């Protein structure tokens, strides 16, 4: 978790000067605060789920239930529109993501932490979608999101770990800086997309990133592409095709 704090801290430092170039996120402060709080719970739940099961099992389950919950929350609480085709695409992607990770047994406690992780992902997804739409510009919300998250996590770990945190930062600043910059690009684009389209559809499409992770694992790490994994890949691809084809 301290490494994640380091990455988020560097993201905040990179974007801090840009805060003077964009308008303040008026009407979105409460979304920013809520998102930061949920992200904190998410990180804790993610670490607990990894402690009790393999990442390749817990993480796909969390990412699989997230788009379904995000779609349900966006429709139920913010009355976003959704069609049968979108529901089919979301279910296909969610099922495919979870199929990739259910090749091993998962204990009850690990499953609960994975479900909590997925619930947090869905919650901050819906919150951020509302926040980026409420802010004067997408750039305003994106920049202040990283400043809030990085500032909060960095400050917390600096106070908690003390000198140990700064020693780790000094020794790992290069990978932390690179990862922080990449984090801005990846989640920044996701936030910008939510300003342009409906949350249910975009939340599901975001989870297609696991296809690239699976491809890397098979091609470069020489992991075996089992029948279950292949089924999951095909389900994700099919669901993505449905959602992308929609106008």
C-alpha atoms as a PDB file:
ATOM      1  CA  UNK A   1       0.000   0.000   0.000  1.00  0.00           C
ATOM      2  CA  UNK A   2       2.900   2.353   0.653  1.00  0.00           C
ATOM      3  CA  UNK A   3       3.993   1.809  -2.970  1.00  0.00           C
ATOM      4  CA  UNK A   4       0.527   2.783  -4.163  1.00  0.00           C
ATOM      5  CA  UNK A   5       0.764   5.887  -1.968  1.00  0.00           C
ATOM      6  CA  UNK A   6       4.098   6.664  -3.605  1.00  0.00           C
ATOM      7  CA  UNK A   7       2.594   6.342  -7.097  1.00  0.00           C
ATOM      8  CA  UNK A   8      -0.417   8.509  -6.219  1.00  0.00           C
ATOM      9  CA  UNK A   9       1.868  11.008  -4.501  1.00  0.00           C
ATOM     10  CA  UNK A  10       3.945  11.406  -7.654  1.00  0.00           C
ATOM     11  CA  UNK A  11       0.752  11.796  -9.703  1.00  0.00           C
ATOM     12  CA  UNK A  12      -0.261  14.666  -7.422  1.00  0.00           C
ATOM     13  CA  UNK A  13       3.169  16.300  -7.673  1.00  0.00           C
ATOM     14  CA  UNK A  14       3.173  16.040 -11.477  1.00  0.00           C
ATOM     15  CA  UNK A  15      -0.236  17.679 -11.800  1.00  0.00           C
ATOM     16  CA  UNK A  16       0.040  20.228  -8.973  1.00  0.00           C
ATOM     17  CA  UNK A  17       1.341  23.058 -11.248  1.00  0.00           C
ATOM     18  CA  UNK A  18      -1.523  22.408 -13.686  1.00  0.00           C
ATOM     19  CA  UNK A  19      -4.043  23.303 -10.963  1.00  0.00           C
ATOM     20  CA  UNK A  20      -3.214  26.975 -11.627  1.00  0.00           C
ATOM     21  CA  UNK A  21      -4.126  26.590 -15.303  1.00  0.00           C
ATOM     22  CA  UNK A  22      -7.668  25.228 -14.929  1.00  0.00           C
ATOM     23  CA  UNK A  23     -10.769  26.557 -13.180  1.00  0.00           C
ATOM     24  CA  UNK A  24     -11.527  25.278  -9.702  1.00  0.00           C
ATOM     25  CA  UNK A  25     -13.895  22.278  -9.780  1.00  0.00           C
ATOM     26  CA  UNK A  26     -16.915  24.262  -8.637  1.00  0.00           C
ATOM     27  CA  UNK A  27     -19.997  22.116  -7.918  1.00  0.00           C
ATOM     28  CA  UNK A  28     -17.747  19.025  -7.776  1.00  0.00           C
ATOM     29  CA  UNK A  29     -15.912  19.378  -4.452  1.00  0.00           C
ATOM     30  CA  UNK A  30     -18.268  16.986  -2.683  1.00  0.00           C
ATOM     31  CA  UNK A  31     -17.771  14.397  -5.456  1.00  0.00           C
ATOM     32  CA  UNK A  32     -13.991  14.748  -5.110  1.00  0.00           C
ATOM     33  CA  UNK A  33     -14.107  14.226  -1.349  1.00  0.00           C
ATOM     34  CA  UNK A  34     -16.466  11.250  -1.652  1.00  0.00           C
ATOM     35  CA  UNK A  35     -14.272   9.682  -4.360  1.00  0.00           C
ATOM     36  CA  UNK A  36     -11.130  10.064  -2.244  1.00  0.00           C
ATOM     37  CA  UNK A  37     -12.819   8.385   0.745  1.00  0.00           C
ATOM     38  CA  UNK A  38     -14.091   5.458  -1.345  1.00  0.00           C
ATOM     39  CA  UNK A  39     -10.665   5.057  -2.973  1.00  0.00           C
ATOM     40  CA  UNK A  40      -9.153   4.721   0.492  1.00  0.00           C
ATOM     41  CA  UNK A  41     -11.584   1.921   1.397  1.00  0.00           C
ATOM     42  CA  UNK A  42     -10.942   0.312  -1.995  1.00  0.00           C
ATOM     43  CA  UNK A  43      -7.183   0.161  -1.444  1.00  0.00           C
ATOM     44  CA  UNK A  44      -7.628  -1.398   1.997  1.00  0.00           C
ATOM     45  CA  UNK A  45     -10.092  -4.002   0.671  1.00  0.00           C
ATOM     46  CA  UNK A  46      -7.827  -4.742  -2.297  1.00  0.00           C
ATOM     47  CA  UNK A  47      -4.849  -5.442  -0.041  1.00  0.00           C
ATOM     48  CA  UNK A  48      -6.940  -7.674   2.240  1.00  0.00           C
ATOM     49  CA  UNK A  49      -8.226  -9.662  -0.739  1.00  0.00           C
ATOM     50  CA  UNK A  50      -4.653 -10.121  -2.026  1.00  0.00           C
ATOM     51  CA  UNK A  51      -3.536 -11.286   1.412  1.00  0.00           C
ATOM     52  CA  UNK A  52      -6.082 -14.102   1.393  1.00  0.00           C
ATOM     53  CA  UNK A  53      -5.965 -15.223  -2.239  1.00  0.00           C
ATOM     54  CA  UNK A  54      -3.925 -14.934  -5.419  1.00  0.00           C
ATOM     55  CA  UNK A  55      -4.193 -11.684  -7.348  1.00  0.00           C
ATOM     56  CA  UNK A  56      -5.137 -13.662 -10.469  1.00  0.00           C
ATOM     57  CA  UNK A  57      -8.215 -14.925  -8.627  1.00  0.00           C
ATOM     58  CA  UNK A  58      -9.409 -12.033  -6.450  1.00  0.00           C
ATOM     59  CA  UNK A  59      -8.809  -9.154  -8.851  1.00  0.00           C
ATOM     60  CA  UNK A  60     -10.825 -10.514 -11.828  1.00  0.00           C
ATOM     61  CA  UNK A  61     -13.750 -11.209  -9.509  1.00  0.00           C
ATOM     62  CA  UNK A  62     -13.623  -7.635  -8.170  1.00  0.00           C
ATOM     63  CA  UNK A  63     -13.316  -6.166 -11.650  1.00  0.00           C
ATOM     64  CA  UNK A  64     -16.046  -8.491 -12.940  1.00  0.00           C
ATOM     65  CA  UNK A  65     -18.768  -7.421 -10.516  1.00  0.00           C
ATOM     66  CA  UNK A  66     -17.796  -3.730 -10.709  1.00  0.00           C
ATOM     67  CA  UNK A  67     -19.427  -2.879 -14.079  1.00  0.00           C
ATOM     68  CA  UNK A  68     -22.685  -4.584 -13.096  1.00  0.00           C
ATOM     69  CA  UNK A  69     -22.869  -2.664  -9.814  1.00  0.00           C
ATOM     70  CA  UNK A  70     -21.805   0.595 -11.479  1.00  0.00           C
ATOM     71  CA  UNK A  71     -24.531   0.217 -14.091  1.00  0.00           C
ATOM     72  CA  UNK A  72     -27.123  -0.561 -11.425  1.00  0.00           C
ATOM     73  CA  UNK A  73     -26.054   2.432  -9.320  1.00  0.00           C
ATOM     74  CA  UNK A  74     -26.012   4.858 -12.257  1.00  0.00           C
ATOM     75  CA  UNK A  75     -29.488   3.779 -13.351  1.00  0.00           C
ATOM     76  CA  UNK A  76     -31.056   3.543  -9.876  1.00  0.00           C
ATOM     77  CA  UNK A  77     -29.637   6.706  -8.291  1.00  0.00           C
ATOM     78  CA  UNK A  78     -28.953   9.012 -11.243  1.00  0.00           C
ATOM     79  CA  UNK A  79     -31.560   7.758 -13.733  1.00  0.00           C
ATOM     80  CA  UNK A  80     -29.084   7.143 -16.543  1.00  0.00           C
ATOM     81  CA  UNK A  81     -30.552   5.368 -19.531  1.00  0.00           C
ATOM     82  CA  UNK A  82     -29.743   1.769 -20.341  1.00  0.00           C
ATOM     83  CA  UNK A  83     -30.898  -0.571 -23.099  1.00  0.00           C
ATOM     84  CA  UNK A  84     -31.206  -4.332 -23.346  1.00  0.00           C
ATOM     85  CA  UNK A  85     -28.196  -4.409 -25.671  1.00  0.00           C
ATOM     86  CA  UNK A  86     -26.083  -2.546 -23.100  1.00  0.00           C
ATOM     87  CA  UNK A  87     -27.195  -4.975 -20.379  1.00  0.00           C
ATOM     88  CA  UNK A  88     -26.174  -7.919 -22.582  1.00  0.00           C
ATOM     89  CA  UNK A  89     -22.771  -6.350 -23.275  1.00  0.00           C
ATOM     90  CA  UNK A  90     -22.164  -5.599 -19.582  1.00  0.00           C
ATOM     91  CA  UNK A  91     -23.121  -9.126 -18.511  1.00  0.00           C
ATOM     92  CA  UNK A  92     -20.881 -10.681 -21.173  1.00  0.00           C
ATOM     93  CA  UNK A  93     -17.875  -8.610 -20.116  1.00  0.00           C
ATOM     94  CA  UNK A  94     -18.503  -9.193 -16.405  1.00  0.00           C
ATOM     95  CA  UNK A  95     -18.886 -12.930 -16.913  1.00  0.00           C
ATOM     96  CA  UNK A  96     -15.754 -13.077 -19.057  1.00  0.00           C
ATOM     97  CA  UNK A  97     -13.656 -11.175 -16.524  1.00  0.00           C
ATOM     98  CA  UNK A  98     -14.770 -13.448 -13.705  1.00  0.00           C
ATOM     99  CA  UNK A  99     -14.238 -16.604 -15.773  1.00  0.00           C
ATOM    100  CA  UNK A 100     -10.589 -15.668 -16.163  1.00  0.00           C
ATOM    101  CA  UNK A 101     -10.208 -15.577 -12.391  1.00  0.00           C
ATOM    102  CA  UNK A 102     -12.350 -18.453 -11.123  1.00  0.00           C
ATOM    103  CA  UNK A 103     -10.069 -21.304 -12.093  1.00  0.00           C
ATOM    104  CA  UNK A 104      -9.082 -21.651  -8.407  1.00  0.00           C
ATOM    105  CA  UNK A 105     -11.162 -22.108  -5.280  1.00  0.00           C
ATOM    106  CA  UNK A 106     -11.746 -18.978  -3.225  1.00  0.00           C
ATOM    107  CA  UNK A 107     -12.402 -18.982   0.524  1.00  0.00           C
ATOM    108  CA  UNK A 108     -15.406 -17.164   1.981  1.00  0.00           C
ATOM    109  CA  UNK A 109     -13.336 -14.409   3.598  1.00  0.00           C
ATOM    110  CA  UNK A 110     -11.308 -13.806   0.433  1.00  0.00           C
ATOM    111  CA  UNK A 111     -14.526 -13.736  -1.605  1.00  0.00           C
ATOM    112  CA  UNK A 112     -16.058 -11.122   0.717  1.00  0.00           C
ATOM    113  CA  UNK A 113     -12.995  -8.878   0.417  1.00  0.00           C
ATOM    114  CA  UNK A 114     -13.043  -9.284  -3.370  1.00  0.00           C
ATOM    115  CA  UNK A 115     -16.744  -8.353  -3.445  1.00  0.00           C
ATOM    116  CA  UNK A 116     -16.076  -5.297  -1.253  1.00  0.00           C
ATOM    117  CA  UNK A 117     -13.258  -4.306  -3.609  1.00  0.00           C
ATOM    118  CA  UNK A 118     -15.575  -4.572  -6.601  1.00  0.00           C
ATOM    119  CA  UNK A 119     -18.275  -2.608  -4.781  1.00  0.00           C
ATOM    120  CA  UNK A 120     -15.789   0.187  -4.096  1.00  0.00           C
ATOM    121  CA  UNK A 121     -14.703   0.220  -7.753  1.00  0.00           C
ATOM    122  CA  UNK A 122     -18.325   0.557  -8.826  1.00  0.00           C
ATOM    123  CA  UNK A 123     -18.990   3.265  -6.234  1.00  0.00           C
ATOM    124  CA  UNK A 124     -16.061   5.506  -7.110  1.00  0.00           C
ATOM    125  CA  UNK A 125     -16.786   4.955 -10.821  1.00  0.00           C
ATOM    126  CA  UNK A 126     -20.315   6.322 -10.436  1.00  0.00           C
ATOM    127  CA  UNK A 127     -19.116   9.137  -8.158  1.00  0.00           C
ATOM    128  CA  UNK A 128     -16.369  10.193 -10.563  1.00  0.00           C
ATOM    129  CA  UNK A 129     -18.755  10.059 -13.524  1.00  0.00           C
ATOM    130  CA  UNK A 130     -21.052  12.508 -11.737  1.00  0.00           C
ATOM    131  CA  UNK A 131     -18.141  14.648 -10.588  1.00  0.00           C
ATOM    132  CA  UNK A 132     -16.464  15.053 -13.970  1.00  0.00           C
ATOM    133  CA  UNK A 133     -19.816  16.124 -15.445  1.00  0.00           C
ATOM    134  CA  UNK A 134     -20.457  18.616 -12.645  1.00  0.00           C
ATOM    135  CA  UNK A 135     -17.051  20.323 -12.887  1.00  0.00           C
ATOM    136  CA  UNK A 136     -16.540  23.310 -15.205  1.00  0.00           C
ATOM    137  CA  UNK A 137     -14.146  21.284 -17.380  1.00  0.00           C
ATOM    138  CA  UNK A 138     -13.006  17.682 -17.511  1.00  0.00           C
ATOM    139  CA  UNK A 139      -9.389  18.779 -16.953  1.00  0.00           C
ATOM    140  CA  UNK A 140     -10.379  20.552 -13.744  1.00  0.00           C
ATOM    141  CA  UNK A 141     -11.897  17.436 -12.208  1.00  0.00           C
ATOM    142  CA  UNK A 142      -9.138  15.128 -13.475  1.00  0.00           C
ATOM    143  CA  UNK A 143      -6.331  17.285 -12.085  1.00  0.00           C
ATOM    144  CA  UNK A 144      -7.977  17.793  -8.715  1.00  0.00           C
ATOM    145  CA  UNK A 145      -8.835  14.097  -8.452  1.00  0.00           C
ATOM    146  CA  UNK A 146      -5.163  13.182  -8.576  1.00  0.00           C
ATOM    147  CA  UNK A 147      -4.217  16.030  -6.240  1.00  0.00           C
ATOM    148  CA  UNK A 148      -6.819  14.873  -3.698  1.00  0.00           C
ATOM    149  CA  UNK A 149      -5.909  11.189  -3.891  1.00  0.00           C
ATOM    150  CA  UNK A 150      -2.161  11.672  -3.996  1.00  0.00           C
ATOM    151  CA  UNK A 151      -2.166  14.343  -1.349  1.00  0.00           C
ATOM    152  CA  UNK A 152      -4.332  12.344   1.036  1.00  0.00           C
ATOM    153  CA  UNK A 153      -2.472   9.031   0.641  1.00  0.00           C
ATOM    154  CA  UNK A 154       0.963  10.626   0.596  1.00  0.00           C
ATOM    155  CA  UNK A 155       0.264  12.660   3.736  1.00  0.00           C
ATOM    156  CA  UNK A 156      -1.229   9.664   5.537  1.00  0.00           C
ATOM    157  CA  UNK A 157       1.739   7.404   4.866  1.00  0.00           C
ATOM    158  CA  UNK A 158       4.272  10.149   5.542  1.00  0.00           C
ATOM    159  CA  UNK A 159       2.746  10.616   9.003  1.00  0.00           C
ATOM    160  CA  UNK A 160       2.269   6.888   9.617  1.00  0.00           C
ATOM    161  CA  UNK A 161       5.567   5.510   8.327  1.00  0.00           C
ATOM    162  CA  UNK A 162       7.678   8.592   8.982  1.00  0.00           C
ATOM    163  CA  UNK A 163      11.298   8.279   7.912  1.00  0.00           C
ATOM    164  CA  UNK A 164      10.677   4.806   6.450  1.00  0.00           C
ATOM    165  CA  UNK A 165       8.298   6.273   3.863  1.00  0.00           C
ATOM    166  CA  UNK A 166      10.767   8.947   2.753  1.00  0.00           C
ATOM    167  CA  UNK A 167      13.595   6.411   2.510  1.00  0.00           C
ATOM    168  CA  UNK A 168      11.393   4.221   0.293  1.00  0.00           C
ATOM    169  CA  UNK A 169      10.460   7.256  -1.809  1.00  0.00           C
ATOM    170  CA  UNK A 170      14.118   8.175  -2.276  1.00  0.00           C
ATOM    171  CA  UNK A 171      15.011   4.653  -3.367  1.00  0.00           C
ATOM    172  CA  UNK A 172      12.027   4.077  -5.654  1.00  0.00           C
ATOM    173  CA  UNK A 173      11.384   7.527  -7.067  1.00  0.00           C
ATOM    174  CA  UNK A 174      12.093   6.583 -10.702  1.00  0.00           C
ATOM    175  CA  UNK A 175       9.573   3.699 -11.001  1.00  0.00           C
ATOM    176  CA  UNK A 176       7.170   5.672  -8.804  1.00  0.00           C
ATOM    177  CA  UNK A 177       7.400   8.682 -11.105  1.00  0.00           C
ATOM    178  CA  UNK A 178       6.864   6.571 -14.239  1.00  0.00           C
ATOM    179  CA  UNK A 179       3.921   4.703 -12.702  1.00  0.00           C
ATOM    180  CA  UNK A 180       2.432   7.987 -11.470  1.00  0.00           C
ATOM    181  CA  UNK A 181       2.622   9.484 -14.965  1.00  0.00           C
ATOM    182  CA  UNK A 182       1.045   6.375 -16.512  1.00  0.00           C
ATOM    183  CA  UNK A 183      -1.696   6.467 -13.881  1.00  0.00           C
ATOM    184  CA  UNK A 184      -2.578  10.005 -14.950  1.00  0.00           C
ATOM    185  CA  UNK A 185      -2.886   8.905 -18.571  1.00  0.00           C
ATOM    186  CA  UNK A 186      -4.952   5.774 -17.933  1.00  0.00           C
ATOM    187  CA  UNK A 187      -7.427   7.018 -15.329  1.00  0.00           C
ATOM    188  CA  UNK A 188      -7.426  10.498 -16.830  1.00  0.00           C
ATOM    189  CA  UNK A 189      -8.745   9.144 -20.118  1.00  0.00           C
ATOM    190  CA  UNK A 190     -11.326   7.065 -18.242  1.00  0.00           C
ATOM    191  CA  UNK A 191     -12.589  10.156 -16.408  1.00  0.00           C
ATOM    192  CA  UNK A 192     -12.727  12.172 -19.600  1.00  0.00           C
ATOM    193  CA  UNK A 193     -14.761   9.422 -21.279  1.00  0.00           C
ATOM    194  CA  UNK A 194     -17.389   9.606 -18.530  1.00  0.00           C
ATOM    195  CA  UNK A 195     -18.016  13.233 -19.483  1.00  0.00           C
ATOM    196  CA  UNK A 196     -18.869  12.132 -23.002  1.00  0.00           C
ATOM    197  CA  UNK A 197     -21.015   9.031 -22.528  1.00  0.00           C
ATOM    198  CA  UNK A 198     -23.244   6.973 -20.244  1.00  0.00           C
ATOM    199  CA  UNK A 199     -21.714   5.352 -17.167  1.00  0.00           C
ATOM    200  CA  UNK A 200     -23.063   1.763 -17.619  1.00  0.00           C
ATOM    201  CA  UNK A 201     -21.578   1.314 -21.075  1.00  0.00           C
ATOM    202  CA  UNK A 202     -18.226   2.979 -20.358  1.00  0.00           C
ATOM    203  CA  UNK A 203     -17.714   1.266 -16.985  1.00  0.00           C
ATOM    204  CA  UNK A 204     -17.988  -2.108 -18.696  1.00  0.00           C
ATOM    205  CA  UNK A 205     -15.711  -1.192 -21.608  1.00  0.00           C
ATOM    206  CA  UNK A 206     -13.053  -0.103 -19.129  1.00  0.00           C
ATOM    207  CA  UNK A 207     -12.793  -3.670 -17.828  1.00  0.00           C
ATOM    208  CA  UNK A 208     -11.713  -4.950 -21.256  1.00  0.00           C
ATOM    209  CA  UNK A 209      -8.195  -3.995 -20.121  1.00  0.00           C
ATOM    210  CA  UNK A 210      -7.961  -7.491 -18.663  1.00  0.00           C
ATOM    211  CA  UNK A 211      -7.676  -8.757 -22.255  1.00  0.00           C
ATOM    212  CA  UNK A 212      -4.306  -7.035 -22.529  1.00  0.00           C
ATOM    213  CA  UNK A 213      -3.250  -8.457 -19.173  1.00  0.00           C
ATOM    214  CA  UNK A 214      -4.176 -11.948 -20.303  1.00  0.00           C
ATOM    215  CA  UNK A 215      -2.331 -11.495 -23.611  1.00  0.00           C
ATOM    216  CA  UNK A 216       0.811 -10.339 -21.782  1.00  0.00           C
ATOM    217  CA  UNK A 217       0.593 -13.304 -19.399  1.00  0.00           C
ATOM    218  CA  UNK A 218       0.256 -15.797 -22.257  1.00  0.00           C
ATOM    219  CA  UNK A 219       2.760 -14.283 -24.712  1.00  0.00           C
ATOM    220  CA  UNK A 220       5.507 -13.003 -22.431  1.00  0.00           C
ATOM    221  CA  UNK A 221       5.054 -14.959 -19.191  1.00  0.00           C
ATOM    222  CA  UNK A 222       4.235 -18.195 -21.023  1.00  0.00           C
ATOM    223  CA  UNK A 223       1.137 -18.862 -18.934  1.00  0.00           C
ATOM    224  CA  UNK A 224      -1.213 -21.507 -20.313  1.00  0.00           C
ATOM    225  CA  UNK A 225      -4.369 -20.347 -22.090  1.00  0.00           C
ATOM    226  CA  UNK A 226      -6.867 -22.751 -20.551  1.00  0.00           C
ATOM    227  CA  UNK A 227     -10.294 -23.446 -21.968  1.00  0.00           C
ATOM    228  CA  UNK A 228     -11.850 -21.415 -19.139  1.00  0.00           C
ATOM    229  CA  UNK A 229      -9.577 -18.447 -19.841  1.00  0.00           C
ATOM    230  CA  UNK A 230     -10.281 -18.644 -23.556  1.00  0.00           C
ATOM    231  CA  UNK A 231     -14.023 -18.673 -22.875  1.00  0.00           C
ATOM    232  CA  UNK A 232     -13.595 -15.599 -20.709  1.00  0.00           C
ATOM    233  CA  UNK A 233     -11.591 -13.807 -23.381  1.00  0.00           C
ATOM    234  CA  UNK A 234     -14.223 -14.550 -26.019  1.00  0.00           C
ATOM    235  CA  UNK A 235     -17.027 -13.376 -23.710  1.00  0.00           C
ATOM    236  CA  UNK A 236     -15.222 -10.079 -23.023  1.00  0.00           C
ATOM    237  CA  UNK A 237     -14.514  -9.540 -26.704  1.00  0.00           C
ATOM    238  CA  UNK A 238     -18.121 -10.287 -27.608  1.00  0.00           C
ATOM    239  CA  UNK A 239     -19.495  -7.962 -24.954  1.00  0.00           C
ATOM    240  CA  UNK A 240     -17.118  -5.193 -26.015  1.00  0.00           C
ATOM    241  CA  UNK A 241     -18.164  -5.627 -29.648  1.00  0.00           C
ATOM    242  CA  UNK A 242     -21.818  -5.190 -28.658  1.00  0.00           C
ATOM    243  CA  UNK A 243     -21.125  -2.027 -26.635  1.00  0.00           C
ATOM    244  CA  UNK A 244     -18.824  -0.477 -29.244  1.00  0.00           C
ATOM    245  CA  UNK A 245     -21.342  -1.137 -32.029  1.00  0.00           C
ATOM    246  CA  UNK A 246     -24.031   0.827 -30.196  1.00  0.00           C
ATOM    247  CA  UNK A 247     -24.643   4.452 -31.194  1.00  0.00           C
END
